[in-house]
Amino acid sequence: MFVPMAEKERNAYIYYTGLGFQMIATIGVFAYIGYRIDRSKSGEAGLFTAIFALIGVFISLISTIRSVTKR
């Protein structure tokens, strides 16, 4: 039997799904920047990709924690 979600539950679902996509986008952008730096310097180790991906993870975690505690 289908039970429709309440408006408040639906809004919370949309909000937290958006936070997840925001985290993915932030990490992806930073990893791409690191990849482009590695590629321009002919680095095969992927050092800048790893560093920038970790920076993206930290920034997205801080942003998510601030958004969740504010709500």
PDB file of N, CA and C in Angstrom:
ATOM      1  N   MET A   1       0.839  -1.181   0.000  1.00  0.00           N
ATOM      2  CA  MET A   1       0.000   0.000   0.000  1.00  0.00           C
ATOM      3  C   MET A   1       0.879   1.239   0.000  1.00  0.00           C
ATOM      4  N   PHE A   2       0.580   2.154  -0.851  1.00  0.00           N
ATOM      5  CA  PHE A   2       1.347   3.388  -0.985  1.00  0.00           C
ATOM      6  C   PHE A   2       0.884   4.415   0.029  1.00  0.00           C
ATOM      7  N   VAL A   3       1.847   4.932   0.818  1.00  0.00           N
ATOM      8  CA  VAL A   3       1.540   5.966   1.789  1.00  0.00           C
ATOM      9  C   VAL A   3       2.329   7.211   1.383  1.00  0.00           C
ATOM     10  N   PRO A   4       1.640   8.276   1.012  1.00  0.00           N
ATOM     11  CA  PRO A   4       2.359   9.466   0.568  1.00  0.00           C
ATOM     12  C   PRO A   4       3.132  10.120   1.716  1.00  0.00           C
ATOM     13  N   MET A   5       4.255  10.723   1.364  1.00  0.00           N
ATOM     14  CA  MET A   5       5.065  11.423   2.354  1.00  0.00           C
ATOM     15  C   MET A   5       4.395  12.727   2.754  1.00  0.00           C
ATOM     16  N   ALA A   6       4.611  13.100   3.984  1.00  0.00           N
ATOM     17  CA  ALA A   6       4.140  14.401   4.429  1.00  0.00           C
ATOM     18  C   ALA A   6       5.018  15.478   3.808  1.00  0.00           C
ATOM     19  N   GLU A   7       4.504  16.663   3.738  1.00  0.00           N
ATOM     20  CA  GLU A   7       5.235  17.774   3.110  1.00  0.00           C
ATOM     21  C   GLU A   7       6.575  18.031   3.804  1.00  0.00           C
ATOM     22  N   LYS A   8       6.585  17.957   5.116  1.00  0.00           N
ATOM     23  CA  LYS A   8       7.812  18.206   5.877  1.00  0.00           C
ATOM     24  C   LYS A   8       8.857  17.137   5.580  1.00  0.00           C
ATOM     25  N   GLU A   9       8.448  15.882   5.502  1.00  0.00           N
ATOM     26  CA  GLU A   9       9.377  14.787   5.189  1.00  0.00           C
ATOM     27  C   GLU A   9       9.928  14.928   3.777  1.00  0.00           C
ATOM     28  N   ARG A  10       9.082  15.315   2.851  1.00  0.00           N
ATOM     29  CA  ARG A  10       9.510  15.486   1.469  1.00  0.00           C
ATOM     30  C   ARG A  10      10.527  16.613   1.355  1.00  0.00           C
ATOM     31  N   ASN A  11      10.286  17.727   2.047  1.00  0.00           N
ATOM     32  CA  ASN A  11      11.228  18.842   2.016  1.00  0.00           C
ATOM     33  C   ASN A  11      12.572  18.455   2.616  1.00  0.00           C
ATOM     34  N   ALA A  12      12.545  17.685   3.706  1.00  0.00           N
ATOM     35  CA  ALA A  12      13.795  17.232   4.317  1.00  0.00           C
ATOM     36  C   ALA A  12      14.543  16.290   3.381  1.00  0.00           C
ATOM     37  N   TYR A  13      13.833  15.418   2.710  1.00  0.00           N
ATOM     38  CA  TYR A  13      14.448  14.495   1.752  1.00  0.00           C
ATOM     39  C   TYR A  13      15.123  15.253   0.620  1.00  0.00           C
ATOM     40  N   ILE A  14      14.449  16.243   0.090  1.00  0.00           N
ATOM     41  CA  ILE A  14      15.003  17.051  -1.003  1.00  0.00           C
ATOM     42  C   ILE A  14      16.226  17.830  -0.512  1.00  0.00           C
ATOM     43  N   TYR A  15      16.155  18.380   0.692  1.00  0.00           N
ATOM     44  CA  TYR A  15      17.253  19.162   1.251  1.00  0.00           C
ATOM     45  C   TYR A  15      18.513  18.308   1.411  1.00  0.00           C
ATOM     46  N   TYR A  16      18.371  17.138   2.018  1.00  0.00           N
ATOM     47  CA  TYR A  16      19.537  16.293   2.271  1.00  0.00           C
ATOM     48  C   TYR A  16      20.066  15.646   0.992  1.00  0.00           C
ATOM     49  N   THR A  17      19.213  15.393   0.032  1.00  0.00           N
ATOM     50  CA  THR A  17      19.676  14.901  -1.262  1.00  0.00           C
ATOM     51  C   THR A  17      20.492  15.979  -1.964  1.00  0.00           C
ATOM     52  N   GLY A  18      20.047  17.205  -1.863  1.00  0.00           N
ATOM     53  CA  GLY A  18      20.796  18.322  -2.437  1.00  0.00           C
ATOM     54  C   GLY A  18      22.159  18.490  -1.798  1.00  0.00           C
ATOM     55  N   LEU A  19      22.243  18.269  -0.490  1.00  0.00           N
ATOM     56  CA  LEU A  19      23.533  18.341   0.190  1.00  0.00           C
ATOM     57  C   LEU A  19      24.488  17.276  -0.334  1.00  0.00           C
ATOM     58  N   GLY A  20      23.973  16.089  -0.592  1.00  0.00           N
ATOM     59  CA  GLY A  20      24.811  15.019  -1.131  1.00  0.00           C
ATOM     60  C   GLY A  20      25.353  15.366  -2.506  1.00  0.00           C
ATOM     61  N   PHE A  21      24.494  15.903  -3.356  1.00  0.00           N
ATOM     62  CA  PHE A  21      24.957  16.303  -4.685  1.00  0.00           C
ATOM     63  C   PHE A  21      25.946  17.458  -4.606  1.00  0.00           C
ATOM     64  N   GLN A  22      25.754  18.353  -3.653  1.00  0.00           N
ATOM     65  CA  GLN A  22      26.687  19.460  -3.470  1.00  0.00           C
ATOM     66  C   GLN A  22      28.056  18.926  -3.050  1.00  0.00           C
ATOM     67  N   MET A  23      28.084  17.937  -2.178  1.00  0.00           N
ATOM     68  CA  MET A  23      29.352  17.333  -1.761  1.00  0.00           C
ATOM     69  C   MET A  23      30.061  16.686  -2.947  1.00  0.00           C
ATOM     70  N   ILE A  24      29.317  15.935  -3.741  1.00  0.00           N
ATOM     71  CA  ILE A  24      29.902  15.277  -4.911  1.00  0.00           C
ATOM     72  C   ILE A  24      30.465  16.306  -5.875  1.00  0.00           C
ATOM     73  N   ALA A  25      29.732  17.384  -6.100  1.00  0.00           N
ATOM     74  CA  ALA A  25      30.184  18.418  -7.034  1.00  0.00           C
ATOM     75  C   ALA A  25      31.449  19.109  -6.523  1.00  0.00           C
ATOM     76  N   THR A  26      31.494  19.414  -5.239  1.00  0.00           N
ATOM     77  CA  THR A  26      32.670  20.081  -4.673  1.00  0.00           C
ATOM     78  C   THR A  26      33.907  19.210  -4.791  1.00  0.00           C
ATOM     79  N   ILE A  27      33.782  17.952  -4.411  1.00  0.00           N
ATOM     80  CA  ILE A  27      34.916  17.029  -4.500  1.00  0.00           C
ATOM     81  C   ILE A  27      35.335  16.844  -5.955  1.00  0.00           C
ATOM     82  N   GLY A  28      34.373  16.727  -6.842  1.00  0.00           N
ATOM     83  CA  GLY A  28      34.674  16.548  -8.258  1.00  0.00           C
ATOM     84  C   GLY A  28      35.396  17.731  -8.860  1.00  0.00           C
ATOM     85  N   VAL A  29      34.977  18.938  -8.508  1.00  0.00           N
ATOM     86  CA  VAL A  29      35.625  20.142  -9.038  1.00  0.00           C
ATOM     87  C   VAL A  29      37.068  20.225  -8.558  1.00  0.00           C
ATOM     88  N   PHE A  30      37.290  19.979  -7.274  1.00  0.00           N
ATOM     89  CA  PHE A  30      38.650  20.040  -6.754  1.00  0.00           C
ATOM     90  C   PHE A  30      39.525  18.928  -7.327  1.00  0.00           C
ATOM     91  N   ALA A  31      38.985  17.746  -7.479  1.00  0.00           N
ATOM     92  CA  ALA A  31      39.763  16.656  -8.079  1.00  0.00           C
ATOM     93  C   ALA A  31      40.109  16.978  -9.527  1.00  0.00           C
ATOM     94  N   TYR A  32      39.192  17.595 -10.242  1.00  0.00           N
ATOM     95  CA  TYR A  32      39.453  17.972 -11.631  1.00  0.00           C
ATOM     96  C   TYR A  32      40.543  19.041 -11.715  1.00  0.00           C
ATOM     97  N   ILE A  33      40.522  19.996 -10.807  1.00  0.00           N
ATOM     98  CA  ILE A  33      41.579  21.010 -10.781  1.00  0.00           C
ATOM     99  C   ILE A  33      42.933  20.350 -10.548  1.00  0.00           C
ATOM    100  N   GLY A  34      42.995  19.426  -9.591  1.00  0.00           N
ATOM    101  CA  GLY A  34      44.243  18.707  -9.339  1.00  0.00           C
ATOM    102  C   GLY A  34      44.679  17.885 -10.534  1.00  0.00           C
ATOM    103  N   TYR A  35      43.717  17.274 -11.211  1.00  0.00           N
ATOM    104  CA  TYR A  35      44.024  16.492 -12.414  1.00  0.00           C
ATOM    105  C   TYR A  35      44.620  17.373 -13.503  1.00  0.00           C
ATOM    106  N   ARG A  36      44.025  18.548 -13.691  1.00  0.00           N
ATOM    107  CA  ARG A  36      44.543  19.460 -14.717  1.00  0.00           C
ATOM    108  C   ARG A  36      45.950  19.952 -14.365  1.00  0.00           C
ATOM    109  N   ILE A  37      46.228  20.186 -13.094  1.00  0.00           N
ATOM    110  CA  ILE A  37      47.572  20.584 -12.686  1.00  0.00           C
ATOM    111  C   ILE A  37      48.548  19.440 -12.934  1.00  0.00           C
ATOM    112  N   ASP A  38      48.170  18.225 -12.550  1.00  0.00           N
ATOM    113  CA  ASP A  38      49.027  17.064 -12.805  1.00  0.00           C
ATOM    114  C   ASP A  38      49.303  16.900 -14.288  1.00  0.00           C
ATOM    115  N   ARG A  39      48.284  17.076 -15.084  1.00  0.00           N
ATOM    116  CA  ARG A  39      48.422  16.902 -16.525  1.00  0.00           C
ATOM    117  C   ARG A  39      49.334  17.973 -17.132  1.00  0.00           C
ATOM    118  N   SER A  40      49.242  19.203 -16.645  1.00  0.00           N
ATOM    119  CA  SER A  40      50.075  20.281 -17.189  1.00  0.00           C
ATOM    120  C   SER A  40      51.534  20.129 -16.766  1.00  0.00           C
ATOM    121  N   LYS A  41      51.774  19.505 -15.633  1.00  0.00           N
ATOM    122  CA  LYS A  41      53.139  19.296 -15.159  1.00  0.00           C
ATOM    123  C   LYS A  41      53.675  17.926 -15.555  1.00  0.00           C
ATOM    124  N   SER A  42      52.934  17.183 -16.329  1.00  0.00           N
ATOM    125  CA  SER A  42      53.303  15.838 -16.775  1.00  0.00           C
ATOM    126  C   SER A  42      53.580  14.899 -15.606  1.00  0.00           C
ATOM    127  N   GLY A  43      52.843  15.091 -14.536  1.00  0.00           N
ATOM    128  CA  GLY A  43      53.008  14.220 -13.373  1.00  0.00           C
ATOM    129  C   GLY A  43      52.202  12.943 -13.531  1.00  0.00           C
ATOM    130  N   GLU A  44      52.858  11.839 -13.364  1.00  0.00           N
ATOM    131  CA  GLU A  44      52.155  10.568 -13.505  1.00  0.00           C
ATOM    132  C   GLU A  44      51.682  10.003 -12.173  1.00  0.00           C
ATOM    133  N   ALA A  45      52.188  10.551 -11.075  1.00  0.00           N
ATOM    134  CA  ALA A  45      51.840  10.018  -9.769  1.00  0.00           C
ATOM    135  C   ALA A  45      50.444  10.449  -9.325  1.00  0.00           C
ATOM    136  N   GLY A  46      49.966  11.566  -9.850  1.00  0.00           N
ATOM    137  CA  GLY A  46      48.647  12.050  -9.454  1.00  0.00           C
ATOM    138  C   GLY A  46      48.641  12.701  -8.095  1.00  0.00           C
ATOM    139  N   LEU A  47      49.757  13.293  -7.716  1.00  0.00           N
ATOM    140  CA  LEU A  47      49.887  13.901  -6.399  1.00  0.00           C
ATOM    141  C   LEU A  47      48.918  15.069  -6.211  1.00  0.00           C
ATOM    142  N   PHE A  48      48.862  15.962  -7.181  1.00  0.00           N
ATOM    143  CA  PHE A  48      47.967  17.109  -7.056  1.00  0.00           C
ATOM    144  C   PHE A  48      46.497  16.690  -7.094  1.00  0.00           C
ATOM    145  N   THR A  49      46.193  15.656  -7.857  1.00  0.00           N
ATOM    146  CA  THR A  49      44.819  15.154  -7.886  1.00  0.00           C
ATOM    147  C   THR A  49      44.403  14.678  -6.501  1.00  0.00           C
ATOM    148  N   ALA A  50      45.282  13.926  -5.852  1.00  0.00           N
ATOM    149  CA  ALA A  50      44.976  13.419  -4.516  1.00  0.00           C
ATOM    150  C   ALA A  50      44.865  14.548  -3.502  1.00  0.00           C
ATOM    151  N   ILE A  51      45.786  15.482  -3.560  1.00  0.00           N
ATOM    152  CA  ILE A  51      45.769  16.599  -2.608  1.00  0.00           C
ATOM    153  C   ILE A  51      44.511  17.440  -2.777  1.00  0.00           C
ATOM    154  N   PHE A  52      44.199  17.802  -4.014  1.00  0.00           N
ATOM    155  CA  PHE A  52      43.025  18.635  -4.245  1.00  0.00           C
ATOM    156  C   PHE A  52      41.726  17.882  -3.954  1.00  0.00           C
ATOM    157  N   ALA A  53      41.693  16.583  -4.192  1.00  0.00           N
ATOM    158  CA  ALA A  53      40.504  15.808  -3.849  1.00  0.00           C
ATOM    159  C   ALA A  53      40.288  15.808  -2.331  1.00  0.00           C
ATOM    160  N   LEU A  54      41.363  15.671  -1.565  1.00  0.00           N
ATOM    161  CA  LEU A  54      41.238  15.726  -0.101  1.00  0.00           C
ATOM    162  C   LEU A  54      40.807  17.106   0.381  1.00  0.00           C
ATOM    163  N   ILE A  55      41.325  18.148  -0.255  1.00  0.00           N
ATOM    164  CA  ILE A  55      40.881  19.499   0.087  1.00  0.00           C
ATOM    165  C   ILE A  55      39.382  19.642  -0.192  1.00  0.00           C
ATOM    166  N   GLY A  56      38.930  19.085  -1.313  1.00  0.00           N
ATOM    167  CA  GLY A  56      37.507  19.113  -1.631  1.00  0.00           C
ATOM    168  C   GLY A  56      36.668  18.359  -0.615  1.00  0.00           C
ATOM    169  N   VAL A  57      37.181  17.234  -0.135  1.00  0.00           N
ATOM    170  CA  VAL A  57      36.463  16.467   0.890  1.00  0.00           C
ATOM    171  C   VAL A  57      36.319  17.292   2.165  1.00  0.00           C
ATOM    172  N   PHE A  58      37.411  17.909   2.606  1.00  0.00           N
ATOM    173  CA  PHE A  58      37.347  18.709   3.827  1.00  0.00           C
ATOM    174  C   PHE A  58      36.409  19.903   3.675  1.00  0.00           C
ATOM    175  N   ILE A  59      36.477  20.580   2.556  1.00  0.00           N
ATOM    176  CA  ILE A  59      35.600  21.732   2.333  1.00  0.00           C
ATOM    177  C   ILE A  59      34.135  21.296   2.288  1.00  0.00           C
ATOM    178  N   SER A  60      33.856  20.177   1.605  1.00  0.00           N
ATOM    179  CA  SER A  60      32.460  19.720   1.528  1.00  0.00           C
ATOM    180  C   SER A  60      31.955  19.244   2.886  1.00  0.00           C
ATOM    181  N   LEU A  61      32.808  18.621   3.688  1.00  0.00           N
ATOM    182  CA  LEU A  61      32.386  18.208   5.032  1.00  0.00           C
ATOM    183  C   LEU A  61      32.086  19.411   5.918  1.00  0.00           C
ATOM    184  N   ILE A  62      32.947  20.413   5.869  1.00  0.00           N
ATOM    185  CA  ILE A  62      32.715  21.615   6.670  1.00  0.00           C
ATOM    186  C   ILE A  62      31.426  22.301   6.242  1.00  0.00           C
ATOM    187  N   SER A  63      31.220  22.402   4.942  1.00  0.00           N
ATOM    188  CA  SER A  63      30.009  23.031   4.418  1.00  0.00           C
ATOM    189  C   SER A  63      28.755  22.248   4.820  1.00  0.00           C
ATOM    190  N   THR A  64      28.815  20.929   4.741  1.00  0.00           N
ATOM    191  CA  THR A  64      27.677  20.105   5.108  1.00  0.00           C
ATOM    192  C   THR A  64      27.372  20.187   6.591  1.00  0.00           C
ATOM    193  N   ILE A  65      28.397  20.137   7.418  1.00  0.00           N
ATOM    194  CA  ILE A  65      28.189  20.227   8.867  1.00  0.00           C
ATOM    195  C   ILE A  65      27.574  21.572   9.236  1.00  0.00           C
ATOM    196  N   ARG A  66      28.061  22.641   8.613  1.00  0.00           N
ATOM    197  CA  ARG A  66      27.478  23.968   8.890  1.00  0.00           C
ATOM    198  C   ARG A  66      26.019  24.035   8.449  1.00  0.00           C
ATOM    199  N   SER A  67      25.708  23.456   7.302  1.00  0.00           N
ATOM    200  CA  SER A  67      24.337  23.500   6.807  1.00  0.00           C
ATOM    201  C   SER A  67      23.389  22.686   7.673  1.00  0.00           C
ATOM    202  N   VAL A  68      23.844  21.535   8.134  1.00  0.00           N
ATOM    203  CA  VAL A  68      22.988  20.658   8.945  1.00  0.00           C
ATOM    204  C   VAL A  68      22.769  21.237  10.330  1.00  0.00           C
ATOM    205  N   THR A  69      23.824  21.805  10.944  1.00  0.00           N
ATOM    206  CA  THR A  69      23.649  22.369  12.275  1.00  0.00           C
ATOM    207  C   THR A  69      22.838  23.656  12.258  1.00  0.00           C
ATOM    208  N   LYS A  70      22.872  24.369  11.123  1.00  0.00           N
ATOM    209  CA  LYS A  70      22.078  25.599  10.998  1.00  0.00           C
ATOM    210  C   LYS A  70      20.601  25.285  10.873  1.00  0.00           C
ATOM    211  N   ARG A  71      20.283  24.138  10.301  1.00  0.00           N
ATOM    212  CA  ARG A  71      18.892  23.781  10.032  1.00  0.00           C
ATOM    213  C   ARG A  71      18.205  23.297  11.254  1.00  0.00           C
TER     214      ARG A  71
END
